[in-house]
Structure formats: C-alpha cells, structure tokens
N, C-alpha and C. Protein backbone atom coordinates (compact mmCIF):
# COMPACT_ATOMS: atom_id res chain seq x y z
N MET A 1 0.86 -1.19 0.00
CA MET A 1 0.00 0.00 0.00
C MET A 1 0.89 1.24 0.00
N THR A 2 0.64 2.09 -0.93
CA THR A 2 1.48 3.29 -1.04
C THR A 2 0.85 4.46 -0.27
N THR A 3 1.72 5.24 0.33
CA THR A 3 1.25 6.43 1.08
C THR A 3 1.44 7.67 0.22
N ARG A 4 0.36 8.42 0.06
CA ARG A 4 0.43 9.65 -0.76
C ARG A 4 0.93 10.80 0.11
N ARG A 5 1.88 11.50 -0.39
CA ARG A 5 2.41 12.66 0.31
C ARG A 5 1.89 13.95 -0.35
N PHE A 6 1.34 14.75 0.51
CA PHE A 6 0.81 16.03 0.02
C PHE A 6 1.86 17.11 0.24
N PRO A 7 2.02 18.02 -0.70
CA PRO A 7 3.02 19.11 -0.52
C PRO A 7 2.63 20.01 0.66
N ARG A 8 3.62 20.38 1.42
CA ARG A 8 3.37 21.27 2.56
C ARG A 8 3.08 22.70 2.07
N ARG A 9 2.07 23.27 2.69
CA ARG A 9 1.75 24.65 2.35
C ARG A 9 2.44 25.58 3.33
N ARG A 10 3.07 26.58 2.78
CA ARG A 10 3.74 27.56 3.63
C ARG A 10 2.70 28.58 4.11
N LEU A 11 2.59 28.73 5.41
CA LEU A 11 1.61 29.67 5.97
C LEU A 11 2.08 31.11 5.78
N ALA A 12 1.18 31.95 5.27
CA ALA A 12 1.52 33.37 5.07
C ALA A 12 1.56 34.08 6.41
N GLY A 13 2.46 35.04 6.55
CA GLY A 13 2.57 35.80 7.80
C GLY A 13 3.70 36.79 7.73
N PHE A 14 3.99 37.42 8.87
CA PHE A 14 5.06 38.40 8.94
C PHE A 14 6.30 37.76 9.56
N SER A 15 7.43 38.14 9.03
CA SER A 15 8.67 37.74 9.67
C SER A 15 8.96 38.72 10.80
N ILE A 16 9.87 38.38 11.67
CA ILE A 16 10.21 39.26 12.80
C ILE A 16 10.78 40.58 12.29
N VAL A 17 11.56 40.50 11.24
CA VAL A 17 12.15 41.73 10.67
C VAL A 17 11.06 42.66 10.16
N GLU A 18 10.08 42.10 9.45
CA GLU A 18 8.98 42.91 8.92
C GLU A 18 8.16 43.53 10.05
N LEU A 19 7.95 42.75 11.10
CA LEU A 19 7.17 43.24 12.24
C LEU A 19 7.88 44.40 12.95
N VAL A 20 9.20 44.26 13.13
CA VAL A 20 9.98 45.32 13.77
C VAL A 20 9.97 46.59 12.93
N ILE A 21 10.11 46.45 11.62
CA ILE A 21 10.09 47.63 10.73
C ILE A 21 8.73 48.32 10.80
N ALA A 22 7.65 47.55 10.79
CA ALA A 22 6.30 48.13 10.88
C ALA A 22 6.10 48.89 12.20
N MET A 23 6.62 48.33 13.29
CA MET A 23 6.51 48.98 14.60
C MET A 23 7.31 50.28 14.64
N LEU A 24 8.49 50.28 14.02
CA LEU A 24 9.31 51.50 13.97
C LEU A 24 8.63 52.60 13.17
N VAL A 25 8.07 52.24 12.03
CA VAL A 25 7.35 53.22 11.20
C VAL A 25 6.15 53.77 11.96
N GLY A 26 5.40 52.90 12.64
CA GLY A 26 4.26 53.34 13.43
C GLY A 26 4.67 54.28 14.55
N ALA A 27 5.78 53.97 15.22
CA ALA A 27 6.26 54.82 16.32
C ALA A 27 6.66 56.20 15.81
N ILE A 28 7.31 56.24 14.63
CA ILE A 28 7.72 57.53 14.05
C ILE A 28 6.50 58.37 13.68
N LEU A 29 5.50 57.74 13.06
CA LEU A 29 4.27 58.46 12.69
C LEU A 29 3.54 58.97 13.92
N LEU A 30 3.51 58.15 14.96
CA LEU A 30 2.84 58.56 16.20
C LEU A 30 3.55 59.74 16.84
N ARG A 31 4.87 59.72 16.79
CA ARG A 31 5.65 60.82 17.37
C ARG A 31 5.42 62.12 16.61
N LEU A 32 5.29 62.01 15.28
CA LEU A 32 5.04 63.20 14.46
C LEU A 32 3.63 63.75 14.69
N ALA A 33 2.67 62.86 14.93
CA ALA A 33 1.27 63.28 15.09
C ALA A 33 0.94 63.74 16.50
N ALA A 34 1.76 63.36 17.49
CA ALA A 34 1.44 63.66 18.89
C ALA A 34 1.24 65.15 19.19
N PRO A 35 2.13 66.05 18.72
CA PRO A 35 1.92 67.48 19.02
C PRO A 35 0.60 68.01 18.47
N SER A 36 0.25 67.61 17.24
CA SER A 36 -1.01 68.07 16.64
C SER A 36 -2.21 67.56 17.43
N PHE A 37 -2.12 66.31 17.87
CA PHE A 37 -3.21 65.74 18.65
C PHE A 37 -3.35 66.45 20.00
N ALA A 38 -2.21 66.76 20.63
CA ALA A 38 -2.23 67.47 21.92
C ALA A 38 -2.85 68.86 21.75
N ASN A 39 -2.52 69.55 20.65
CA ASN A 39 -3.10 70.86 20.38
C ASN A 39 -4.60 70.75 20.17
N TRP A 40 -5.01 69.69 19.46
CA TRP A 40 -6.44 69.49 19.21
C TRP A 40 -7.19 69.28 20.52
N ILE A 41 -6.62 68.48 21.42
CA ILE A 41 -7.25 68.24 22.73
C ILE A 41 -7.36 69.54 23.51
N ALA A 42 -6.27 70.33 23.53
CA ALA A 42 -6.27 71.60 24.27
C ALA A 42 -7.32 72.55 23.72
N ASN A 43 -7.45 72.63 22.40
CA ASN A 43 -8.43 73.52 21.80
C ASN A 43 -9.86 73.03 22.02
N GLN A 44 -10.04 71.71 22.13
CA GLN A 44 -11.36 71.18 22.48
C GLN A 44 -11.74 71.59 23.90
N ARG A 45 -10.76 71.65 24.79
CA ARG A 45 -11.02 72.09 26.15
C ARG A 45 -11.39 73.58 26.18
N VAL A 46 -10.73 74.36 25.34
CA VAL A 46 -11.09 75.78 25.23
C VAL A 46 -12.55 75.90 24.77
N ARG A 47 -12.91 75.10 23.78
CA ARG A 47 -14.29 75.14 23.28
C ARG A 47 -15.30 74.72 24.35
N SER A 48 -15.01 73.66 25.07
CA SER A 48 -15.96 73.20 26.10
C SER A 48 -16.11 74.25 27.20
N THR A 49 -15.02 74.96 27.52
CA THR A 49 -15.10 76.02 28.53
C THR A 49 -15.95 77.17 28.03
N ALA A 50 -15.75 77.58 26.77
CA ALA A 50 -16.55 78.67 26.19
C ALA A 50 -18.03 78.28 26.13
N GLU A 51 -18.30 77.05 25.77
CA GLU A 51 -19.69 76.59 25.72
C GLU A 51 -20.32 76.58 27.10
N ALA A 52 -19.53 76.26 28.13
CA ALA A 52 -20.04 76.28 29.50
C ALA A 52 -20.39 77.70 29.94
N LEU A 53 -19.54 78.67 29.57
CA LEU A 53 -19.84 80.07 29.89
C LEU A 53 -21.11 80.53 29.19
N LEU A 54 -21.23 80.18 27.93
CA LEU A 54 -22.43 80.55 27.17
C LEU A 54 -23.68 79.94 27.79
N HIS A 55 -23.56 78.68 28.21
CA HIS A 55 -24.69 78.00 28.87
C HIS A 55 -25.07 78.74 30.15
N GLY A 56 -24.09 79.12 30.96
CA GLY A 56 -24.39 79.83 32.21
C GLY A 56 -25.10 81.15 31.98
N LEU A 57 -24.66 81.89 30.97
CA LEU A 57 -25.30 83.17 30.64
C LEU A 57 -26.74 82.95 30.16
N ASN A 58 -26.95 81.93 29.36
CA ASN A 58 -28.31 81.64 28.88
C ASN A 58 -29.23 81.20 30.01
N VAL A 59 -28.68 80.44 30.96
CA VAL A 59 -29.47 80.04 32.13
C VAL A 59 -29.88 81.26 32.93
N ALA A 60 -28.93 82.17 33.15
CA ALA A 60 -29.21 83.38 33.93
C ALA A 60 -30.29 84.22 33.26
N ARG A 61 -30.19 84.39 31.97
CA ARG A 61 -31.18 85.21 31.26
C ARG A 61 -32.57 84.57 31.28
N SER A 62 -32.62 83.27 31.01
CA SER A 62 -33.92 82.59 30.98
C SER A 62 -34.58 82.59 32.36
N GLU A 63 -33.77 82.45 33.41
CA GLU A 63 -34.32 82.48 34.77
C GLU A 63 -34.80 83.87 35.15
N ALA A 64 -34.11 84.90 34.66
CA ALA A 64 -34.56 86.27 34.91
C ALA A 64 -35.94 86.50 34.29
N LEU A 65 -36.12 85.99 33.08
CA LEU A 65 -37.42 86.11 32.41
C LEU A 65 -38.49 85.31 33.14
N ARG A 66 -38.14 84.10 33.53
CA ARG A 66 -39.11 83.21 34.18
C ARG A 66 -39.55 83.75 35.53
N ARG A 67 -38.59 84.31 36.29
CA ARG A 67 -38.88 84.79 37.63
C ARG A 67 -39.33 86.24 37.66
N ASN A 68 -39.17 86.93 36.51
CA ASN A 68 -39.44 88.37 36.44
C ASN A 68 -38.67 89.10 37.55
N ALA A 69 -37.39 88.75 37.65
CA ALA A 69 -36.54 89.32 38.70
C ALA A 69 -35.11 89.40 38.19
N ARG A 70 -34.30 90.18 38.88
CA ARG A 70 -32.90 90.27 38.50
C ARG A 70 -32.17 88.96 38.84
N VAL A 71 -31.39 88.51 37.88
CA VAL A 71 -30.59 87.30 38.07
C VAL A 71 -29.16 87.60 37.67
N LEU A 72 -28.22 87.09 38.46
CA LEU A 72 -26.82 87.40 38.28
C LEU A 72 -26.01 86.18 37.84
N PHE A 73 -25.20 86.37 36.81
CA PHE A 73 -24.18 85.40 36.42
C PHE A 73 -22.86 85.98 36.89
N ARG A 74 -22.14 85.24 37.74
CA ARG A 74 -20.87 85.79 38.23
C ARG A 74 -19.78 84.73 38.18
N MET A 75 -18.58 85.19 37.89
CA MET A 75 -17.44 84.30 37.74
C MET A 75 -16.30 84.84 38.60
N PRO A 76 -15.93 84.16 39.68
CA PRO A 76 -14.87 84.65 40.56
C PRO A 76 -13.53 84.79 39.84
N GLY A 77 -13.25 83.90 38.90
CA GLY A 77 -12.02 84.00 38.12
C GLY A 77 -10.75 83.75 38.90
N ALA A 78 -10.80 82.86 39.88
CA ALA A 78 -9.61 82.54 40.68
C ALA A 78 -8.56 81.85 39.82
N ASN A 79 -7.35 81.74 40.36
CA ASN A 79 -6.24 81.01 39.71
C ASN A 79 -5.99 81.48 38.28
N GLY A 80 -5.95 82.79 38.10
CA GLY A 80 -5.62 83.33 36.78
C GLY A 80 -6.73 83.24 35.77
N GLY A 81 -7.99 83.19 36.24
CA GLY A 81 -9.12 83.24 35.33
C GLY A 81 -9.79 81.92 35.04
N GLU A 82 -9.78 80.98 35.99
CA GLU A 82 -10.49 79.73 35.73
C GLU A 82 -11.98 80.01 35.62
N SER A 83 -12.68 79.13 34.94
CA SER A 83 -14.03 79.45 34.47
C SER A 83 -15.17 79.01 35.37
N ALA A 84 -14.94 78.78 36.63
CA ALA A 84 -16.04 78.46 37.55
C ALA A 84 -17.03 79.62 37.58
N TRP A 85 -18.32 79.31 37.65
CA TRP A 85 -19.32 80.37 37.71
C TRP A 85 -20.53 79.95 38.54
N GLN A 86 -21.36 80.96 38.82
CA GLN A 86 -22.57 80.76 39.63
C GLN A 86 -23.68 81.63 39.08
N VAL A 87 -24.90 81.12 39.09
CA VAL A 87 -26.09 81.89 38.70
C VAL A 87 -27.02 81.94 39.91
N CYS A 88 -27.44 83.17 40.26
CA CYS A 88 -28.29 83.32 41.45
C CYS A 88 -29.27 84.49 41.26
N GLN A 89 -30.33 84.46 42.03
CA GLN A 89 -31.28 85.57 42.04
C GLN A 89 -30.71 86.69 42.89
N VAL A 90 -30.92 87.93 42.44
CA VAL A 90 -30.34 89.10 43.11
C VAL A 90 -31.24 89.57 44.25
N VAL A 91 -30.61 90.00 45.33
CA VAL A 91 -31.35 90.53 46.46
C VAL A 91 -32.10 91.80 46.05
N GLN A 92 -33.31 91.98 46.57
CA GLN A 92 -34.15 93.11 46.21
C GLN A 92 -33.42 94.43 46.48
N GLY A 93 -33.29 95.24 45.43
CA GLY A 93 -32.69 96.56 45.58
C GLY A 93 -31.17 96.55 45.64
N GLY A 94 -30.55 95.39 45.44
CA GLY A 94 -29.09 95.31 45.53
C GLY A 94 -28.46 94.75 44.27
N PHE A 95 -27.19 94.36 44.39
CA PHE A 95 -26.45 93.82 43.25
C PHE A 95 -25.84 92.45 43.52
N GLY A 96 -26.06 91.92 44.71
CA GLY A 96 -25.49 90.62 45.06
C GLY A 96 -26.55 89.54 45.12
N CYS A 97 -26.09 88.30 45.33
CA CYS A 97 -27.01 87.17 45.42
C CYS A 97 -27.89 87.28 46.66
N ASP A 98 -29.13 86.86 46.51
CA ASP A 98 -30.07 86.83 47.63
C ASP A 98 -29.86 85.53 48.40
N GLY A 99 -29.33 85.64 49.61
CA GLY A 99 -29.03 84.46 50.41
C GLY A 99 -30.26 83.68 50.82
N ALA A 100 -31.43 84.30 50.74
CA ALA A 100 -32.66 83.62 51.13
C ALA A 100 -33.23 82.76 50.00
N VAL A 101 -32.65 82.89 48.80
CA VAL A 101 -33.13 82.14 47.64
C VAL A 101 -32.05 81.15 47.22
N PRO A 102 -32.40 79.89 47.00
CA PRO A 102 -31.38 78.90 46.60
C PRO A 102 -30.66 79.32 45.32
N VAL A 103 -29.36 79.02 45.28
CA VAL A 103 -28.57 79.28 44.08
C VAL A 103 -29.16 78.49 42.91
N ILE A 104 -29.23 79.12 41.76
CA ILE A 104 -29.88 78.49 40.60
C ILE A 104 -29.01 77.41 39.98
N GLN A 105 -27.75 77.74 39.70
CA GLN A 105 -26.85 76.75 39.09
C GLN A 105 -25.41 77.15 39.37
N VAL A 106 -24.54 76.13 39.46
CA VAL A 106 -23.13 76.36 39.78
C VAL A 106 -22.26 75.49 38.88
N ARG A 107 -21.16 76.05 38.44
CA ARG A 107 -20.10 75.27 37.79
C ARG A 107 -18.85 75.52 38.63
N ASP A 108 -18.42 74.51 39.36
CA ASP A 108 -17.32 74.74 40.30
C ASP A 108 -15.95 74.52 39.66
N GLY A 109 -14.91 74.84 40.43
CA GLY A 109 -13.55 74.74 39.93
C GLY A 109 -13.14 73.33 39.57
N GLY A 110 -13.83 72.34 40.16
CA GLY A 110 -13.51 70.95 39.85
C GLY A 110 -13.84 70.58 38.42
N GLU A 111 -14.66 71.38 37.76
CA GLU A 111 -15.03 71.13 36.38
C GLU A 111 -14.15 71.91 35.41
N GLU A 112 -13.11 72.57 35.93
CA GLU A 112 -12.22 73.36 35.08
C GLU A 112 -11.64 72.50 33.97
N SER A 113 -11.66 73.03 32.75
CA SER A 113 -11.21 72.26 31.59
C SER A 113 -9.73 72.49 31.31
N GLY A 114 -8.88 71.70 31.93
CA GLY A 114 -7.45 71.78 31.66
C GLY A 114 -6.87 73.14 31.95
N ASN A 115 -6.12 73.68 30.98
CA ASN A 115 -5.47 74.97 31.14
C ASN A 115 -6.30 76.12 30.55
N ALA A 116 -7.54 75.88 30.19
CA ALA A 116 -8.38 76.94 29.65
C ALA A 116 -8.63 78.00 30.71
N ARG A 117 -8.38 79.26 30.34
CA ARG A 117 -8.54 80.38 31.26
C ARG A 117 -9.29 81.51 30.56
N VAL A 118 -9.86 82.41 31.37
CA VAL A 118 -10.74 83.45 30.86
C VAL A 118 -10.20 84.83 31.17
N GLY A 119 -10.29 85.72 30.19
CA GLY A 119 -10.05 87.15 30.39
C GLY A 119 -11.34 87.87 30.06
N ALA A 120 -11.69 88.92 30.79
CA ALA A 120 -12.98 89.57 30.62
C ALA A 120 -12.84 91.09 30.56
N THR A 121 -13.89 91.75 30.06
CA THR A 121 -13.89 93.21 30.02
C THR A 121 -15.32 93.73 30.01
N ASN A 122 -15.49 94.95 30.55
CA ASN A 122 -16.79 95.65 30.47
C ASN A 122 -16.68 96.88 29.57
N ASP A 123 -15.59 96.95 28.80
CA ASP A 123 -15.34 98.08 27.91
C ASP A 123 -16.16 97.91 26.63
N VAL A 124 -17.07 98.84 26.38
CA VAL A 124 -17.94 98.77 25.20
C VAL A 124 -17.11 98.78 23.91
N ALA A 125 -15.99 99.50 23.92
CA ALA A 125 -15.16 99.59 22.72
C ALA A 125 -14.59 98.24 22.31
N LEU A 126 -14.45 97.33 23.26
CA LEU A 126 -13.85 96.03 22.97
C LEU A 126 -14.85 94.98 22.50
N VAL A 127 -16.11 95.40 22.33
CA VAL A 127 -17.10 94.51 21.73
C VAL A 127 -17.60 95.09 20.41
N ALA A 128 -16.94 96.13 19.94
CA ALA A 128 -17.29 96.73 18.66
C ALA A 128 -16.74 95.89 17.52
N PRO A 129 -17.34 95.95 16.33
CA PRO A 129 -16.81 95.20 15.18
C PRO A 129 -15.34 95.53 14.95
N GLY A 130 -14.53 94.52 14.75
CA GLY A 130 -13.11 94.71 14.51
C GLY A 130 -12.26 94.70 15.77
N ALA A 131 -12.91 94.73 16.94
CA ALA A 131 -12.15 94.79 18.19
C ALA A 131 -11.77 93.43 18.74
N PHE A 132 -12.27 92.37 18.12
CA PHE A 132 -12.04 91.03 18.66
C PHE A 132 -10.71 90.43 18.24
N ALA A 133 -10.02 91.07 17.31
CA ALA A 133 -8.74 90.53 16.84
C ALA A 133 -7.70 90.53 17.96
N GLY A 134 -7.75 91.53 18.83
CA GLY A 134 -6.83 91.59 19.96
C GLY A 134 -7.33 90.75 21.12
N ALA A 135 -6.48 89.86 21.62
CA ALA A 135 -6.89 88.94 22.69
C ALA A 135 -6.82 89.61 24.05
N LEU A 136 -7.76 89.27 24.92
CA LEU A 136 -7.72 89.69 26.32
C LEU A 136 -6.80 88.73 27.08
N SER A 137 -6.01 89.26 27.99
CA SER A 137 -5.11 88.42 28.77
C SER A 137 -5.90 87.54 29.73
N ALA A 138 -5.48 86.30 29.89
CA ALA A 138 -6.13 85.39 30.84
C ALA A 138 -6.05 85.98 32.24
N GLY A 139 -7.17 86.02 32.93
CA GLY A 139 -7.22 86.57 34.28
C GLY A 139 -7.55 88.05 34.34
N ALA A 140 -7.48 88.75 33.20
CA ALA A 140 -7.81 90.18 33.18
C ALA A 140 -9.31 90.36 33.34
N GLY A 141 -9.70 91.40 34.06
CA GLY A 141 -11.12 91.74 34.18
C GLY A 141 -11.95 90.82 35.04
N VAL A 142 -11.32 89.94 35.81
CA VAL A 142 -12.08 89.07 36.70
C VAL A 142 -11.79 89.46 38.15
N PRO A 143 -12.76 89.30 39.05
CA PRO A 143 -14.07 88.68 38.89
C PRO A 143 -14.92 89.38 37.82
N ALA A 144 -15.76 88.59 37.18
CA ALA A 144 -16.64 89.10 36.13
C ALA A 144 -18.09 88.80 36.49
N ALA A 145 -19.01 89.65 36.01
CA ALA A 145 -20.42 89.45 36.35
C ALA A 145 -21.31 90.08 35.30
N VAL A 146 -22.45 89.44 35.06
CA VAL A 146 -23.47 89.96 34.14
C VAL A 146 -24.80 89.84 34.85
N MET A 147 -25.56 90.95 34.89
CA MET A 147 -26.85 90.94 35.58
C MET A 147 -27.98 91.21 34.58
N PHE A 148 -29.00 90.36 34.63
CA PHE A 148 -30.16 90.48 33.76
C PHE A 148 -31.38 90.94 34.56
N ASP A 149 -32.20 91.78 33.93
CA ASP A 149 -33.43 92.20 34.60
C ASP A 149 -34.57 91.27 34.22
N GLY A 150 -35.78 91.55 34.73
CA GLY A 150 -36.92 90.67 34.50
C GLY A 150 -37.36 90.58 33.06
N ARG A 151 -36.83 91.45 32.19
CA ARG A 151 -37.14 91.39 30.76
C ARG A 151 -36.03 90.70 29.97
N GLY A 152 -35.01 90.21 30.69
CA GLY A 152 -33.92 89.52 30.02
C GLY A 152 -32.87 90.44 29.43
N ARG A 153 -32.93 91.72 29.78
CA ARG A 153 -31.95 92.68 29.29
C ARG A 153 -30.89 92.94 30.35
N LEU A 154 -29.76 93.52 29.93
CA LEU A 154 -28.72 93.84 30.90
C LEU A 154 -29.17 94.97 31.82
N VAL A 155 -28.89 94.82 33.10
CA VAL A 155 -29.22 95.86 34.08
C VAL A 155 -28.30 97.05 33.84
N ASN A 156 -28.91 98.21 33.74
CA ASN A 156 -28.16 99.47 33.56
C ASN A 156 -28.44 100.34 34.78
N ALA A 157 -27.50 100.35 35.71
CA ALA A 157 -27.71 101.08 36.95
C ALA A 157 -26.41 101.72 37.41
N ILE A 158 -26.55 102.82 38.12
CA ILE A 158 -25.38 103.51 38.68
C ILE A 158 -24.70 102.56 39.68
N GLY A 159 -23.39 102.46 39.57
CA GLY A 159 -22.64 101.59 40.47
C GLY A 159 -22.53 100.16 39.98
N TRP A 160 -23.01 99.90 38.76
CA TRP A 160 -22.94 98.54 38.24
C TRP A 160 -22.41 98.56 36.81
N ALA A 161 -21.49 97.66 36.48
CA ALA A 161 -20.95 97.53 35.13
C ALA A 161 -20.95 96.06 34.73
N ASN A 162 -21.65 95.76 33.66
CA ASN A 162 -21.73 94.37 33.19
C ASN A 162 -20.49 93.97 32.40
N THR A 163 -20.07 92.74 32.58
CA THR A 163 -19.04 92.17 31.72
C THR A 163 -19.68 91.93 30.36
N LEU A 164 -19.02 92.41 29.30
CA LEU A 164 -19.60 92.33 27.96
C LEU A 164 -18.88 91.32 27.06
N ARG A 165 -17.69 90.94 27.48
CA ARG A 165 -16.91 90.02 26.63
C ARG A 165 -16.01 89.16 27.50
N MET A 166 -15.91 87.88 27.14
CA MET A 166 -15.02 86.95 27.82
C MET A 166 -14.23 86.16 26.77
N ASP A 167 -12.92 86.24 26.82
CA ASP A 167 -12.06 85.48 25.92
C ASP A 167 -11.61 84.21 26.63
N VAL A 168 -11.78 83.07 25.99
CA VAL A 168 -11.33 81.80 26.54
C VAL A 168 -10.11 81.36 25.76
N ARG A 169 -9.01 81.10 26.49
CA ARG A 169 -7.76 80.75 25.81
C ARG A 169 -6.93 79.81 26.66
N ASP A 170 -5.85 79.32 26.07
CA ASP A 170 -4.91 78.44 26.76
C ASP A 170 -3.52 79.03 26.61
N ASN A 171 -3.02 79.64 27.66
CA ASN A 171 -1.74 80.33 27.61
C ASN A 171 -0.55 79.39 27.50
N THR A 172 -0.77 78.09 27.69
CA THR A 172 0.34 77.15 27.56
C THR A 172 0.64 76.85 26.08
N MET A 173 -0.23 77.28 25.19
CA MET A 173 -0.05 77.04 23.76
C MET A 173 0.56 78.26 23.08
N SER A 174 1.20 78.03 21.95
CA SER A 174 1.72 79.15 21.17
C SER A 174 0.56 79.87 20.51
N THR A 175 0.77 81.13 20.15
CA THR A 175 -0.30 81.92 19.53
C THR A 175 -0.78 81.28 18.24
N SER A 176 0.13 80.67 17.50
CA SER A 176 -0.26 80.06 16.22
C SER A 176 -1.09 78.79 16.41
N ASP A 177 -0.89 78.09 17.53
CA ASP A 177 -1.64 76.84 17.77
C ASP A 177 -2.93 77.07 18.55
N GLU A 178 -2.99 78.15 19.32
CA GLU A 178 -4.15 78.41 20.17
C GLU A 178 -5.36 78.81 19.34
N ARG A 179 -6.51 78.26 19.65
CA ARG A 179 -7.76 78.61 18.97
C ARG A 179 -8.65 79.34 19.98
N ARG A 180 -8.38 80.63 20.17
CA ARG A 180 -9.12 81.43 21.15
C ARG A 180 -10.58 81.57 20.72
N LEU A 181 -11.49 81.52 21.71
CA LEU A 181 -12.91 81.74 21.45
C LEU A 181 -13.41 82.88 22.33
N VAL A 182 -14.43 83.57 21.86
CA VAL A 182 -14.97 84.74 22.55
C VAL A 182 -16.45 84.51 22.85
N VAL A 183 -16.86 84.88 24.07
CA VAL A 183 -18.28 84.90 24.43
C VAL A 183 -18.63 86.37 24.67
N ALA A 184 -19.56 86.88 23.88
CA ALA A 184 -19.93 88.30 23.95
C ALA A 184 -21.40 88.44 24.32
N VAL A 185 -21.71 89.50 25.07
CA VAL A 185 -23.09 89.77 25.51
C VAL A 185 -23.52 91.12 24.94
N SER A 186 -24.66 91.14 24.27
CA SER A 186 -25.17 92.38 23.70
C SER A 186 -25.96 93.17 24.73
N ALA A 187 -26.25 94.42 24.42
CA ALA A 187 -27.01 95.27 25.33
C ALA A 187 -28.41 94.72 25.59
N SER A 188 -28.94 93.97 24.62
CA SER A 188 -30.28 93.40 24.79
C SER A 188 -30.26 92.13 25.64
N GLY A 189 -29.05 91.66 26.00
CA GLY A 189 -28.93 90.50 26.87
C GLY A 189 -28.59 89.21 26.16
N GLY A 190 -28.60 89.21 24.84
CA GLY A 190 -28.28 88.01 24.09
C GLY A 190 -26.79 87.70 24.16
N ALA A 191 -26.45 86.45 24.35
CA ALA A 191 -25.05 86.03 24.41
C ALA A 191 -24.75 85.11 23.23
N ARG A 192 -23.53 85.22 22.72
CA ARG A 192 -23.13 84.35 21.62
C ARG A 192 -21.65 84.01 21.75
N MET A 193 -21.28 82.88 21.16
CA MET A 193 -19.88 82.45 21.12
C MET A 193 -19.39 82.63 19.69
N CYS A 194 -18.19 83.19 19.53
CA CYS A 194 -17.67 83.40 18.19
C CYS A 194 -16.17 83.11 18.13
N ASP A 195 -15.69 82.95 16.91
CA ASP A 195 -14.29 82.62 16.65
C ASP A 195 -13.62 83.81 15.96
N PRO A 196 -12.69 84.49 16.62
CA PRO A 196 -12.06 85.66 16.02
C PRO A 196 -11.19 85.35 14.81
N LEU A 197 -10.86 84.07 14.60
CA LEU A 197 -10.04 83.69 13.45
C LEU A 197 -10.89 83.24 12.25
N ALA A 198 -12.19 83.11 12.47
CA ALA A 198 -13.06 82.70 11.36
C ALA A 198 -13.16 83.83 10.34
N GLY A 199 -13.20 83.46 9.08
CA GLY A 199 -13.22 84.45 8.01
C GLY A 199 -14.57 85.14 7.87
N ALA A 200 -14.55 86.25 7.12
CA ALA A 200 -15.78 87.01 6.88
C ALA A 200 -16.79 86.12 6.16
N GLY A 201 -18.03 86.24 6.57
CA GLY A 201 -19.09 85.42 5.98
C GLY A 201 -19.32 84.12 6.71
N ASN A 202 -18.39 83.74 7.57
CA ASN A 202 -18.56 82.54 8.38
C ASN A 202 -19.50 82.86 9.54
N PRO A 203 -20.56 82.09 9.76
CA PRO A 203 -21.49 82.40 10.85
C PRO A 203 -20.86 82.33 12.24
N ARG A 204 -19.70 81.70 12.36
CA ARG A 204 -19.01 81.62 13.65
C ARG A 204 -18.09 82.81 13.88
N ALA A 205 -17.92 83.67 12.89
CA ALA A 205 -16.98 84.79 13.00
C ALA A 205 -17.48 85.84 13.98
N CYS A 206 -16.54 86.53 14.62
CA CYS A 206 -16.90 87.61 15.57
C CYS A 206 -17.23 88.89 14.79
C-alpha cells in the first residue's frame, strides 16, 4: 500500500524583521502626530469652557425672564481666570445674590477644563466690530459678572458695570496653535460664542 504525500503549504505571515520595521514606522508616525493631537485636545477644552460660559449666561437670562426678577451670572475667576461660575437671584434693591433664595446653578472649579482660562472686560469699545482681533489676557477683568433684569436685558444702573466680553484661551499654547474663542453679551442680553479667526461670511466669526 502506497502512502500519498501532500506538498506542505507555507503559511503566510510576517517575519520578525517585517514586524519590527512596521513597529518603527508606526512609532515615528505617532511621534510626528502627537503634538497636533495634543493641540487638538487643548483647543477642544477651550471650546468646552466657552460653551459652558455661554450656557451659564443663557441660564441666567432665561431664569430672569421666568422669575421676572434680576438674576446674576458671576465668575470669581480665581487662579488666573479659571471658568467656575454661579447663577443666582439678586437681592431686592441690591447687586449681590439673595441668600434667602437657593442658588440656581453652579459650575465649580472641579469642572475646570485643563489649562483653559478666561479674560474679561466691560469696555464697550472692545465689543465693537473689529475689536475682537486683539486677545484679552487670561485673568484680566475678573471677577466678572453679568446681571439680567426681569425682561432679560442687561441691568443698567449707577454703580454697576456688566461684563460684555469673555475670551477663553490656553496660555500654555503658542499663539499660532491656540484657537481662542470669545463669548460676547449684547445690550439686549443676548449672548453668543464666536471665533475671532473665522473668516468674513462665516457664521461663527466675531
């Protein structure tokens, strides 16, 4: 009885040399991409911080309308302008929070987004068209506060100045890599977030 021998099939796969070369190429590509990815993460944190500020301002305005009372958005701006904030109802006839009324909403320092920091101003000239190209320094103009009346408009009273603009930035980044965002408040009380680097005609442009 004869035994039939079948030819051995060589299994396809990678040699150790090929595997090492592939790993080296991957490591080089990862090293080249790492700075860009880190910048992207930092700029996403800037965006999330700006969105949080915009949310707080919108909450304050809507609550002022709902309660038909003055409501305050305030940001202590500790540690060089971190973005913690509080929304509260204002004491009758005053400018501070009413201790007898529960605080409406809080974003504490524990929610701080990385190195994102805020600079603020109440200068009307710095919210004019063309004024957004110049960045506000992180920590400038804080503590910051915006007060809304029962109609959802900014309170205009002697002894009170509303913050009209807040720049969110990351000072650990170079100017060319940083994607600064601005949150601006109009005299009618409307708040919006804009990008000072966006081109003309872009709906996100300042």
